[in-house]
Amino acid sequence: MRTWFWTIAVFAAAVALALVLREHSGNVVIVAQPWRVELSLTLAVLLLVASFALLYFLLRVLSWVGERPERFRSWRSRRSVRRDQEALESGWINVLEGRFVNADKDFSRVVNRTRSDKRKVLAALASASANHQLGEYAQRDQALALAKQAAGDDLRLREAWAIVAAEMYLDQNRPQDALALLQPLQDASSRYLHATRLLLRAHRQLGNYDRVYELTRLLLRRGVLEKDEARKLIEMSAAARLRSAGAQGFKAVWGDLKAEERTLPDVALAAAQVLAADGQHEEVSRILETAIAAEPEPRLLSAYSQCPPQLVSRRLAKAEEWLKKHPDNAPLLAAMGNLCLTGQLWGPGELYLKRSMALRSDMRIHALLGNLYDRLGRRDEAMKHWRLASSVVGSLPVLARSRHLPAADMRDDPTLIDVEIPPEPTETAPAIQAPVAASAADYVPEESEAPAPEQPAAPPSNEVKSSGSPHEELDEYFDSAPIPGVDVSQTSDGPRGKR
């Protein structure tokens, strides 16, 4: 639009000039002794316009010739920038595709060719990242040193180098080196949120749980951490702080926690452990009750069920209130059964444990029932639940009873002439009297659960009795006698040499 406007303006000016010159037919005389030049007014104007145009053209030509070296340098700079950008783009595409070797080549090419310090720092840091992914830590450190040198006194480039290097050191489990780079950034300003996250990671690796707690709360206020992640970090760090503080520093650490942080399971368990070791069982009860009211976590219920006998009635009463709200909570029923065993309330304890076992077959419940029946003298039922407990664990097989082979008679073995077999004891152990509790005094076992009558102890003997079966006699014989035709001295089970 501007071109058309100026074109029309020029034509209008030309038409106006032509009309003016047509009406004024004067002459122009130029006197320069000894010359005298006389021209018409029209020709003089045309010559002036032509001279202006020619002079303008000559000046533009001279300007273009004078700026030619600068133009050439600008062209070379643009070509270099375009080449560096292409190499950086190719390198980062290779990084995203996982081709770290090709990426390192592209970045090294930029480092060696570019004249820009910023592009050199970026390419060197990218090359260090690629070598870090490859596990080439020596080449990575060389690239980091080159980037630090190229950064010079540029504050932003040095901060970028520090953050990248610290993250790599943390991946390599070198938190102390990362902390030396990140702490100055944190001291200068708290707006470096990524640096603060890395600082949190470094303190976590070093086990500085006080700083972990502080930085987690800071990042949570800034909205950098998710609530679930922050909750786990606060729970872990606060529990570690309580354990390290002990009973002496408990009040200072506990007072620093918020109300919702005190009800976290790990925090409540750590506080209960510290106070229980100091004998403050009443305070332990209050802490665990508050945490269980917020979330009836099985670990909290298990810890709540472990107390001195004098606190059993108080804790049972509190557990009865929770049972009204959660009647099908198996861990709660197991905890109440454990409390009954601690208070020697055998009947209610068996009832709670059986209700819990009906909801969930748990190793601990079977073990508690085994202990209960053992205390009541019901040996068969105790052994049954102990075997079930081992089967629930899954690490021990449940073996059928009376399936093992009889012991071999080694008295007549000629290779054991130096071995003396001690005589078996002749006295029988006194029978263990089972305690009878008031709550289980009226307990009548069912026919299927009634213990078998005890058999009179057989008289002791130093000889192995045979059942009379010829197969068993042969088994006893071949269990101790050497195999015919086999040189046992050449086997790992051969006889020992005489001393």
Protein backbone atom coordinates (compact mmCIF):
# COMPACT_ATOMS: atom_id res chain seq x y z
CA MET A 1 0.00 0.00 0.00
CA ARG A 2 2.81 2.39 0.80
CA THR A 3 4.43 1.67 -2.59
CA TRP A 4 1.28 2.65 -4.47
CA PHE A 5 0.94 5.78 -2.37
CA TRP A 6 4.49 6.96 -3.09
CA THR A 7 4.14 6.13 -6.79
CA ILE A 8 1.04 8.25 -7.11
CA ALA A 9 2.72 11.05 -5.16
CA VAL A 10 5.75 11.04 -7.48
CA PHE A 11 3.58 11.13 -10.61
CA ALA A 12 1.55 13.98 -9.16
CA ALA A 13 4.70 15.94 -8.38
CA ALA A 14 6.00 15.35 -11.92
CA VAL A 15 2.76 16.57 -13.48
CA ALA A 16 2.74 19.65 -11.26
CA LEU A 17 6.37 20.41 -12.08
CA ALA A 18 5.70 20.04 -15.80
CA LEU A 19 2.78 22.44 -15.61
CA VAL A 20 4.81 24.99 -13.65
CA LEU A 21 7.77 24.82 -15.99
CA ARG A 22 5.48 25.14 -19.01
CA GLU A 23 4.09 28.42 -17.76
CA HIS A 24 7.53 29.84 -16.82
CA SER A 25 9.73 29.94 -19.89
CA GLY A 26 12.73 31.56 -18.19
CA ASN A 27 16.46 31.01 -18.56
CA VAL A 28 19.19 30.13 -16.10
CA VAL A 29 22.61 31.74 -16.53
CA ILE A 30 25.66 30.29 -14.83
CA VAL A 31 28.66 32.63 -14.89
CA ALA A 32 32.04 31.18 -13.98
CA GLN A 33 34.83 33.37 -15.41
CA PRO A 34 35.92 32.94 -18.08
CA TRP A 35 32.84 30.71 -18.82
CA ARG A 36 29.21 31.72 -19.18
CA VAL A 37 26.56 28.99 -19.34
CA GLU A 38 22.95 29.81 -20.24
CA LEU A 39 20.25 27.18 -19.89
CA SER A 40 16.51 27.12 -19.98
CA LEU A 41 14.73 26.75 -16.68
CA THR A 42 13.29 23.36 -17.67
CA LEU A 43 16.65 21.94 -18.60
CA ALA A 44 18.23 23.28 -15.43
CA VAL A 45 15.62 21.59 -13.28
CA LEU A 46 16.01 18.31 -15.14
CA LEU A 47 19.77 18.45 -14.75
CA LEU A 48 19.45 19.07 -11.03
CA VAL A 49 17.13 16.10 -10.62
CA ALA A 50 19.42 13.89 -12.69
CA SER A 51 22.46 15.02 -10.71
CA PHE A 52 20.70 14.22 -7.42
CA ALA A 53 19.74 10.75 -8.66
CA LEU A 54 23.26 10.06 -9.91
CA LEU A 55 24.83 11.27 -6.68
CA TYR A 56 22.44 9.15 -4.62
CA PHE A 57 23.26 6.09 -6.71
CA LEU A 58 27.01 6.67 -6.34
CA LEU A 59 26.72 7.08 -2.60
CA ARG A 60 24.74 3.84 -2.29
CA VAL A 61 27.34 2.00 -4.33
CA LEU A 62 30.14 3.34 -2.17
CA SER A 63 28.22 2.40 0.98
CA TRP A 64 27.64 -1.16 -0.28
CA VAL A 65 31.31 -1.55 -1.15
CA GLY A 66 32.36 -0.20 2.24
CA GLU A 67 30.00 -2.54 4.14
CA ARG A 68 30.96 -5.62 2.16
CA PRO A 69 33.44 -7.06 4.78
CA GLU A 70 30.87 -6.60 7.51
CA ARG A 71 28.20 -8.21 5.34
CA PHE A 72 30.53 -11.14 4.69
CA ARG A 73 31.18 -11.58 8.42
CA SER A 74 27.45 -11.43 9.14
CA TRP A 75 26.81 -14.07 6.51
CA ARG A 76 29.44 -16.34 7.98
CA SER A 77 28.00 -15.81 11.46
CA ARG A 78 24.50 -16.69 10.31
CA ARG A 79 25.82 -19.79 8.61
CA SER A 80 27.71 -20.82 11.77
CA VAL A 81 24.62 -20.27 13.95
CA ARG A 82 22.49 -22.30 11.57
CA ARG A 83 25.07 -25.11 11.57
CA ASP A 84 25.29 -25.12 15.39
CA GLN A 85 21.53 -25.16 15.73
CA GLU A 86 21.23 -28.09 13.36
CA ALA A 87 23.89 -30.03 15.27
CA LEU A 88 22.22 -29.27 18.62
CA GLU A 89 18.81 -30.32 17.29
CA SER A 90 20.26 -33.56 15.92
CA GLY A 91 22.04 -34.26 19.21
CA TRP A 92 18.94 -33.73 21.34
CA ILE A 93 16.87 -35.90 18.99
CA ASN A 94 19.46 -38.65 19.47
CA VAL A 95 19.29 -38.17 23.24
CA LEU A 96 15.51 -38.53 23.23
CA GLU A 97 15.81 -41.64 21.06
CA GLY A 98 18.44 -43.13 23.35
CA ARG A 99 21.30 -42.94 20.84
CA PHE A 100 23.76 -41.42 23.25
CA VAL A 101 26.88 -42.22 21.22
CA ASN A 102 25.58 -40.30 18.18
CA ALA A 103 24.38 -37.51 20.46
CA ASP A 104 27.85 -37.18 21.99
CA LYS A 105 29.36 -36.85 18.50
CA ASP A 106 26.92 -34.07 17.56
CA PHE A 107 27.53 -32.16 20.77
CA SER A 108 31.31 -32.56 20.51
CA ARG A 109 31.16 -31.13 17.00
CA VAL A 110 29.37 -28.05 18.33
CA VAL A 111 31.89 -27.66 21.16
CA ASN A 112 34.84 -27.76 18.76
CA ARG A 113 33.38 -25.44 16.09
CA THR A 114 31.19 -22.85 17.75
CA ARG A 115 32.46 -19.40 18.67
CA SER A 116 29.65 -18.66 21.10
CA ASP A 117 30.32 -19.31 24.77
CA LYS A 118 26.65 -19.98 25.48
CA ARG A 119 26.34 -22.60 22.77
CA LYS A 120 29.61 -24.14 23.91
CA VAL A 121 28.35 -24.41 27.50
CA LEU A 122 25.03 -25.90 26.39
CA ALA A 123 26.70 -28.40 24.06
CA ALA A 124 29.26 -29.40 26.72
CA LEU A 125 26.53 -29.95 29.34
CA ALA A 126 24.50 -31.99 26.85
CA SER A 127 27.59 -34.05 26.01
CA ALA A 128 28.19 -34.64 29.73
CA SER A 129 24.59 -35.83 30.09
CA ALA A 130 24.99 -38.25 27.20
CA ASN A 131 28.24 -39.67 28.63
CA HIS A 132 26.58 -39.94 32.04
CA GLN A 133 23.86 -42.10 30.53
CA LEU A 134 26.56 -44.26 28.91
CA GLY A 135 28.45 -44.62 32.19
CA GLU A 136 31.54 -42.88 30.79
CA TYR A 137 32.21 -40.83 33.91
CA ALA A 138 35.73 -39.74 32.91
CA GLN A 139 34.50 -38.20 29.65
CA ARG A 140 31.56 -36.72 31.52
CA ASP A 141 33.87 -34.97 33.98
CA GLN A 142 35.95 -33.60 31.09
CA ALA A 143 32.82 -32.17 29.46
CA LEU A 144 31.73 -30.63 32.77
CA ALA A 145 35.15 -29.02 33.22
CA LEU A 146 34.99 -27.59 29.69
CA ALA A 147 31.49 -26.21 30.35
CA LYS A 148 32.63 -24.60 33.60
CA GLN A 149 35.56 -22.98 31.83
CA ALA A 150 33.38 -21.71 28.98
CA ALA A 151 30.80 -20.30 31.42
CA GLY A 152 33.36 -17.87 32.80
CA ASP A 153 31.76 -15.18 34.97
CA ASP A 154 28.28 -15.55 33.48
CA LEU A 155 26.05 -16.10 36.53
CA ARG A 156 23.22 -17.87 34.70
CA LEU A 157 25.56 -20.26 32.90
CA ARG A 158 27.40 -21.13 36.11
CA GLU A 159 24.10 -21.83 37.88
CA ALA A 160 22.99 -24.05 35.01
CA TRP A 161 26.30 -25.90 35.17
CA ALA A 162 26.00 -26.37 38.94
CA ILE A 163 22.46 -27.80 38.74
CA VAL A 164 23.30 -30.22 35.91
CA ALA A 165 26.49 -31.40 37.62
CA ALA A 166 24.71 -31.84 40.98
CA GLU A 167 21.98 -33.97 39.42
CA MET A 168 24.58 -36.23 37.85
CA TYR A 169 26.45 -36.55 41.14
CA LEU A 170 23.23 -37.57 42.88
CA ASP A 171 22.61 -40.24 40.27
CA GLN A 172 26.13 -41.50 40.99
CA ASN A 173 25.42 -41.51 44.77
CA ARG A 174 27.79 -38.64 45.52
CA PRO A 175 25.52 -36.46 47.69
CA GLN A 176 28.36 -34.58 49.37
CA ASP A 177 29.67 -33.22 46.03
CA ALA A 178 26.13 -32.31 44.98
CA LEU A 179 25.52 -30.54 48.29
CA ALA A 180 28.61 -28.37 47.79
CA LEU A 181 27.19 -27.14 44.47
CA LEU A 182 23.55 -26.71 45.52
CA GLN A 183 23.89 -25.07 48.91
CA PRO A 184 25.19 -21.71 47.53
CA LEU A 185 22.19 -21.55 45.20
CA GLN A 186 19.81 -22.20 48.09
CA ASP A 187 21.53 -19.60 50.24
CA ALA A 188 21.33 -16.99 47.46
CA SER A 189 17.63 -17.44 46.74
CA SER A 190 14.85 -19.93 47.42
CA ARG A 191 13.30 -19.44 43.99
CA TYR A 192 15.41 -22.20 42.48
CA LEU A 193 12.74 -24.85 43.03
CA HIS A 194 14.49 -27.51 40.98
CA ALA A 195 17.71 -26.89 42.90
CA THR A 196 15.71 -27.19 46.14
CA ARG A 197 14.36 -30.56 45.03
CA LEU A 198 17.88 -31.74 44.29
CA LEU A 199 19.01 -30.42 47.65
CA LEU A 200 16.24 -32.43 49.31
CA ARG A 201 17.45 -35.51 47.47
CA ALA A 202 21.05 -34.91 48.59
CA HIS A 203 20.07 -34.52 52.26
CA ARG A 204 17.95 -37.66 52.02
CA GLN A 205 20.92 -39.65 50.73
CA LEU A 206 23.10 -38.24 53.50
CA GLY A 207 20.50 -39.03 56.17
CA ASN A 208 20.08 -35.40 57.30
CA TYR A 209 16.44 -35.87 58.26
CA ASP A 210 16.10 -32.47 59.92
CA ARG A 211 16.86 -30.77 56.59
CA VAL A 212 14.68 -33.29 54.73
CA TYR A 213 11.75 -32.35 56.96
CA GLU A 214 12.30 -28.59 56.48
CA LEU A 215 12.78 -28.74 52.69
CA THR A 216 9.76 -31.02 52.25
CA ARG A 217 7.49 -28.58 54.05
CA LEU A 218 8.98 -25.70 52.00
CA LEU A 219 8.35 -27.46 48.68
CA LEU A 220 4.86 -28.46 49.81
CA ARG A 221 4.00 -24.81 50.51
CA ARG A 222 5.32 -23.82 47.08
CA GLY A 223 3.16 -26.49 45.41
CA VAL A 224 6.17 -28.28 43.90
CA LEU A 225 5.61 -31.65 45.59
CA GLU A 226 2.48 -33.76 45.40
CA LYS A 227 0.69 -34.24 48.70
CA ASP A 228 1.19 -38.02 48.72
CA GLU A 229 4.91 -37.72 48.03
CA ALA A 230 5.30 -34.99 50.64
CA ARG A 231 3.36 -37.07 53.17
CA LYS A 232 5.71 -40.04 52.72
CA LEU A 233 8.80 -37.85 53.07
CA ILE A 234 7.44 -36.08 56.16
CA GLU A 235 6.46 -39.40 57.73
CA MET A 236 9.86 -40.95 57.08
CA SER A 237 11.90 -37.92 58.19
CA ALA A 238 9.81 -37.18 61.29
CA ALA A 239 10.01 -40.80 62.45
CA ALA A 240 13.79 -40.78 61.96
CA ARG A 241 14.08 -37.51 63.90
CA LEU A 242 12.12 -38.97 66.83
CA ARG A 243 14.29 -42.09 66.96
CA SER A 244 17.52 -40.10 66.83
CA ALA A 245 16.31 -37.57 69.44
CA GLY A 246 15.44 -40.24 71.99
CA ALA A 247 13.60 -39.58 75.21
CA GLN A 248 15.64 -36.48 76.03
CA GLY A 249 14.93 -34.58 72.81
CA PHE A 250 11.47 -36.04 72.26
CA LYS A 251 9.52 -32.97 73.38
CA ALA A 252 11.40 -30.59 71.06
CA VAL A 253 10.84 -32.75 67.98
CA TRP A 254 7.28 -33.69 68.91
CA GLY A 255 6.34 -30.06 69.45
CA ASP A 256 7.64 -29.15 65.98
CA LEU A 257 5.18 -31.54 64.31
CA LYS A 258 1.72 -30.55 63.18
CA ALA A 259 -1.36 -32.30 64.53
CA GLU A 260 -1.99 -34.23 61.30
CA GLU A 261 1.66 -35.25 61.13
CA ARG A 262 1.54 -36.81 64.60
CA THR A 263 -1.15 -39.27 63.48
CA LEU A 264 0.94 -40.70 60.64
CA PRO A 265 1.60 -44.41 61.30
CA ASP A 266 5.42 -44.34 61.20
CA VAL A 267 5.54 -41.19 63.30
CA ALA A 268 3.19 -42.60 65.93
CA LEU A 269 5.08 -45.91 66.02
CA ALA A 270 8.43 -44.14 66.43
CA ALA A 271 7.04 -41.98 69.25
CA ALA A 272 5.55 -45.03 70.95
CA GLN A 273 8.82 -46.90 70.70
CA VAL A 274 10.81 -44.03 72.24
CA LEU A 275 8.34 -43.44 75.08
CA ALA A 276 7.85 -47.15 75.79
CA ALA A 277 11.60 -47.56 76.21
CA ASP A 278 11.45 -44.70 78.73
CA GLY A 279 8.55 -46.32 80.60
CA GLN A 280 5.93 -43.70 79.69
CA HIS A 281 3.20 -46.17 78.79
CA GLU A 282 0.33 -43.80 79.49
CA GLU A 283 1.67 -41.31 76.94
CA VAL A 284 2.19 -44.18 74.51
CA SER A 285 -1.48 -45.09 74.89
CA ARG A 286 -2.63 -41.55 74.13
CA ILE A 287 -0.41 -41.24 71.04
CA LEU A 288 -1.46 -44.59 69.61
CA GLU A 289 -5.13 -43.99 70.35
CA THR A 290 -5.08 -40.69 68.46
CA ALA A 291 -3.33 -42.29 65.49
CA ILE A 292 -5.67 -45.32 65.44
CA ALA A 293 -8.71 -43.05 65.60
CA ALA A 294 -7.45 -41.32 62.45
CA GLU A 295 -6.52 -44.57 60.64
CA PRO A 296 -6.78 -48.08 62.19
CA GLU A 297 -3.57 -49.29 60.59
CA PRO A 298 -2.57 -52.91 61.47
CA ARG A 299 0.89 -51.91 62.70
CA LEU A 300 -0.62 -49.39 65.09
CA LEU A 301 -3.07 -51.97 66.41
CA SER A 302 -0.27 -54.48 66.91
CA ALA A 303 1.80 -51.92 68.83
CA TYR A 304 -1.25 -50.96 70.89
CA SER A 305 -1.75 -54.59 71.93
CA GLN A 306 1.74 -54.77 73.45
CA CYS A 307 1.62 -53.28 76.94
CA PRO A 308 2.18 -54.15 80.61
CA PRO A 309 -0.58 -56.21 82.28
CA GLN A 310 -1.77 -53.26 84.38
CA LEU A 311 -2.86 -51.37 81.22
CA VAL A 312 -4.78 -54.24 79.64
CA SER A 313 -8.20 -53.28 81.01
CA ARG A 314 -7.90 -49.66 79.84
CA ARG A 315 -6.78 -50.61 76.37
CA LEU A 316 -9.38 -53.35 76.04
CA ALA A 317 -12.11 -50.87 76.89
CA LYS A 318 -10.83 -48.50 74.22
CA ALA A 319 -10.58 -51.32 71.70
CA GLU A 320 -14.19 -52.29 72.40
CA GLU A 321 -15.23 -48.80 71.30
CA TRP A 322 -13.32 -49.18 68.05
CA LEU A 323 -14.82 -52.63 67.51
CA LYS A 324 -18.32 -51.14 67.48
CA LYS A 325 -17.30 -48.96 64.52
CA HIS A 326 -15.24 -51.66 62.77
CA PRO A 327 -16.79 -55.04 63.67
CA ASP A 328 -15.06 -56.89 60.80
CA ASN A 329 -11.55 -55.53 61.33
CA ALA A 330 -9.33 -58.62 61.60
CA PRO A 331 -6.21 -56.80 62.89
CA LEU A 332 -8.31 -55.12 65.59
CA LEU A 333 -9.71 -58.49 66.72
CA ALA A 334 -6.19 -59.96 66.75
CA ALA A 335 -4.94 -57.03 68.85
CA MET A 336 -7.76 -57.55 71.34
CA GLY A 337 -6.91 -61.25 71.51
CA ASN A 338 -3.29 -60.39 72.23
CA LEU A 339 -4.38 -58.02 74.99
CA CYS A 340 -6.47 -60.81 76.52
CA LEU A 341 -3.48 -63.15 76.48
CA THR A 342 -1.38 -60.50 78.22
CA GLY A 343 -4.07 -60.16 80.90
CA GLN A 344 -4.52 -63.97 81.08
CA LEU A 345 -8.13 -63.74 79.93
CA TRP A 346 -8.08 -67.05 78.08
CA GLY A 347 -11.76 -67.32 77.15
CA PRO A 348 -12.23 -63.86 75.59
CA GLY A 349 -8.78 -64.14 74.01
CA GLU A 350 -9.75 -67.38 72.25
CA LEU A 351 -13.03 -65.81 71.11
CA TYR A 352 -11.36 -62.71 69.61
CA LEU A 353 -8.62 -64.73 67.92
CA LYS A 354 -11.10 -67.16 66.36
CA ARG A 355 -13.21 -64.28 65.06
CA SER A 356 -10.09 -62.72 63.55
CA MET A 357 -9.02 -66.03 62.02
CA ALA A 358 -12.46 -66.43 60.45
CA LEU A 359 -11.90 -63.15 58.61
CA ARG A 360 -8.27 -63.72 57.64
CA SER A 361 -5.91 -66.68 58.08
CA ASP A 362 -2.83 -64.98 59.47
CA MET A 363 0.42 -66.43 60.76
CA ARG A 364 0.37 -64.29 63.88
CA ILE A 365 -3.17 -65.35 64.83
CA HIS A 366 -2.29 -69.04 64.51
CA ALA A 367 0.82 -68.46 66.61
CA LEU A 368 -1.21 -66.69 69.31
CA LEU A 369 -3.76 -69.49 69.35
CA GLY A 370 -0.94 -72.00 69.63
CA ASN A 371 0.45 -70.13 72.62
CA LEU A 372 -3.00 -69.93 74.18
CA TYR A 373 -3.69 -73.65 73.84
CA ASP A 374 -0.20 -74.45 75.08
CA ARG A 375 -0.86 -72.46 78.24
CA LEU A 376 -4.18 -74.29 78.69
CA GLY A 377 -2.48 -77.69 78.29
CA ARG A 378 -4.20 -78.52 74.98
CA ARG A 379 -1.01 -79.69 73.28
CA ASP A 380 -2.54 -81.16 70.12
CA GLU A 381 -4.43 -78.00 69.27
CA ALA A 382 -1.36 -75.90 70.04
CA MET A 383 0.78 -77.99 67.68
CA LYS A 384 -1.93 -77.80 65.02
CA HIS A 385 -1.96 -73.99 65.03
CA TRP A 386 1.81 -73.75 65.15
CA ARG A 387 2.01 -75.94 62.05
CA LEU A 388 -0.64 -73.78 60.36
CA ALA A 389 1.39 -70.71 61.24
CA SER A 390 4.43 -72.18 59.52
CA SER A 391 2.35 -73.10 56.46
CA VAL A 392 1.00 -69.53 56.21
CA VAL A 393 4.55 -68.20 56.24
CA GLY A 394 5.32 -70.42 53.28
CA SER A 395 8.96 -70.96 54.18
CA LEU A 396 8.54 -74.15 56.22
CA PRO A 397 6.75 -77.26 54.89
CA VAL A 398 4.10 -78.92 57.03
CA LEU A 399 5.33 -82.46 57.59
CA ALA A 400 3.11 -85.37 58.64
CA ARG A 401 3.91 -86.74 62.05
CA SER A 402 5.44 -90.23 62.66
CA ARG A 403 6.86 -90.38 59.13
CA HIS A 404 10.59 -90.27 59.97
CA LEU A 405 12.85 -93.33 59.87
CA PRO A 406 13.94 -94.94 63.15
CA ALA A 407 17.41 -94.16 64.39
CA ALA A 408 20.13 -96.60 63.36
CA ASP A 409 21.83 -98.80 65.96
CA MET A 410 25.51 -97.86 65.72
CA ARG A 411 26.76 -99.83 68.74
CA ASP A 412 28.14 -102.78 66.75
CA ASP A 413 29.83 -100.67 64.04
CA PRO A 414 33.53 -101.79 64.08
CA THR A 415 34.68 -98.40 62.76
CA LEU A 416 33.44 -96.55 65.85
CA ILE A 417 35.48 -98.37 68.48
CA ASP A 418 36.54 -95.10 70.15
CA VAL A 419 33.03 -93.75 70.51
CA GLU A 420 31.27 -94.17 73.83
CA ILE A 421 27.50 -94.05 73.79
CA PRO A 422 26.20 -92.55 77.01
CA PRO A 423 23.38 -94.38 78.68
CA GLU A 424 19.94 -92.97 78.25
CA PRO A 425 18.39 -91.21 81.26
CA THR A 426 16.18 -93.40 83.40
CA GLU A 427 14.28 -90.67 85.20
CA THR A 428 11.14 -89.29 83.66
CA ALA A 429 10.45 -85.55 83.56
CA PRO A 430 7.68 -84.34 85.88
CA ALA A 431 4.41 -83.50 84.20
CA ILE A 432 3.82 -79.78 83.56
CA GLN A 433 0.70 -78.53 85.24
CA ALA A 434 -1.34 -76.31 82.92
CA PRO A 435 -2.69 -73.08 84.41
CA VAL A 436 -6.39 -72.81 84.84
CA ALA A 437 -7.86 -69.36 84.29
CA ALA A 438 -11.15 -68.20 85.66
CA SER A 439 -12.44 -67.25 82.22
CA ALA A 440 -11.66 -70.70 80.80
CA ALA A 441 -12.65 -72.85 83.77
CA ASP A 442 -15.98 -73.79 82.24
CA TYR A 443 -14.47 -74.61 78.85
CA VAL A 444 -15.56 -78.10 77.66
CA PRO A 445 -13.62 -79.39 74.63
CA GLU A 446 -15.51 -80.99 71.82
CA GLU A 447 -14.99 -84.62 70.93
CA SER A 448 -12.94 -83.74 67.86
CA GLU A 449 -10.79 -81.32 69.86
CA ALA A 450 -10.40 -83.40 73.07
CA PRO A 451 -6.78 -84.28 73.78
CA ALA A 452 -5.84 -87.95 73.68
CA PRO A 453 -5.25 -89.64 77.05
CA GLU A 454 -1.64 -89.73 78.08
CA GLN A 455 0.01 -93.14 77.75
CA PRO A 456 2.20 -94.43 80.55
CA ALA A 457 5.87 -93.88 79.85
CA ALA A 458 7.68 -96.96 78.64
CA PRO A 459 10.58 -98.20 80.76
CA PRO A 460 13.92 -96.89 79.50
CA SER A 461 16.08 -99.25 77.58
CA ASN A 462 19.44 -99.05 75.87
CA GLU A 463 18.35 -101.30 73.04
CA VAL A 464 16.23 -100.37 70.07
CA LYS A 465 12.92 -102.22 70.24
CA SER A 466 11.55 -103.81 67.11
CA SER A 467 7.89 -103.97 66.29
CA GLY A 468 8.24 -107.57 65.26
CA SER A 469 7.78 -106.96 61.55
CA PRO A 470 10.49 -108.60 59.37
CA HIS A 471 10.54 -105.51 57.09
CA GLU A 472 11.39 -103.23 59.99
CA GLU A 473 14.15 -105.59 61.11
CA LEU A 474 15.59 -105.54 57.61
CA ASP A 475 15.36 -101.75 57.57
CA GLU A 476 17.28 -101.55 60.82
CA TYR A 477 19.88 -103.92 59.49
CA PHE A 478 20.47 -102.16 56.18
CA ASP A 479 20.40 -98.80 57.85
CA SER A 480 23.67 -99.58 59.65
CA ALA A 481 25.29 -102.45 57.75
CA PRO A 482 27.63 -101.74 54.80
CA ILE A 483 26.40 -102.44 51.30
CA PRO A 484 27.94 -105.67 49.88
CA GLY A 485 30.30 -105.15 46.94
CA VAL A 486 30.86 -101.44 47.57
CA ASP A 487 34.20 -100.08 48.77
CA VAL A 488 33.01 -97.45 51.24
CA SER A 489 36.52 -96.15 51.73
CA GLN A 490 36.29 -94.49 48.28
CA THR A 491 33.06 -92.61 49.07
CA SER A 492 32.38 -89.45 51.04
CA ASP A 493 30.45 -91.53 53.58
CA GLY A 494 33.29 -93.99 54.16
CA PRO A 495 34.44 -95.05 57.62
CA ARG A 496 36.78 -92.84 59.59
CA GLY A 497 40.36 -93.87 59.96
CA LYS A 498 41.52 -95.21 63.26
CA ARG A 499 43.37 -92.84 65.45
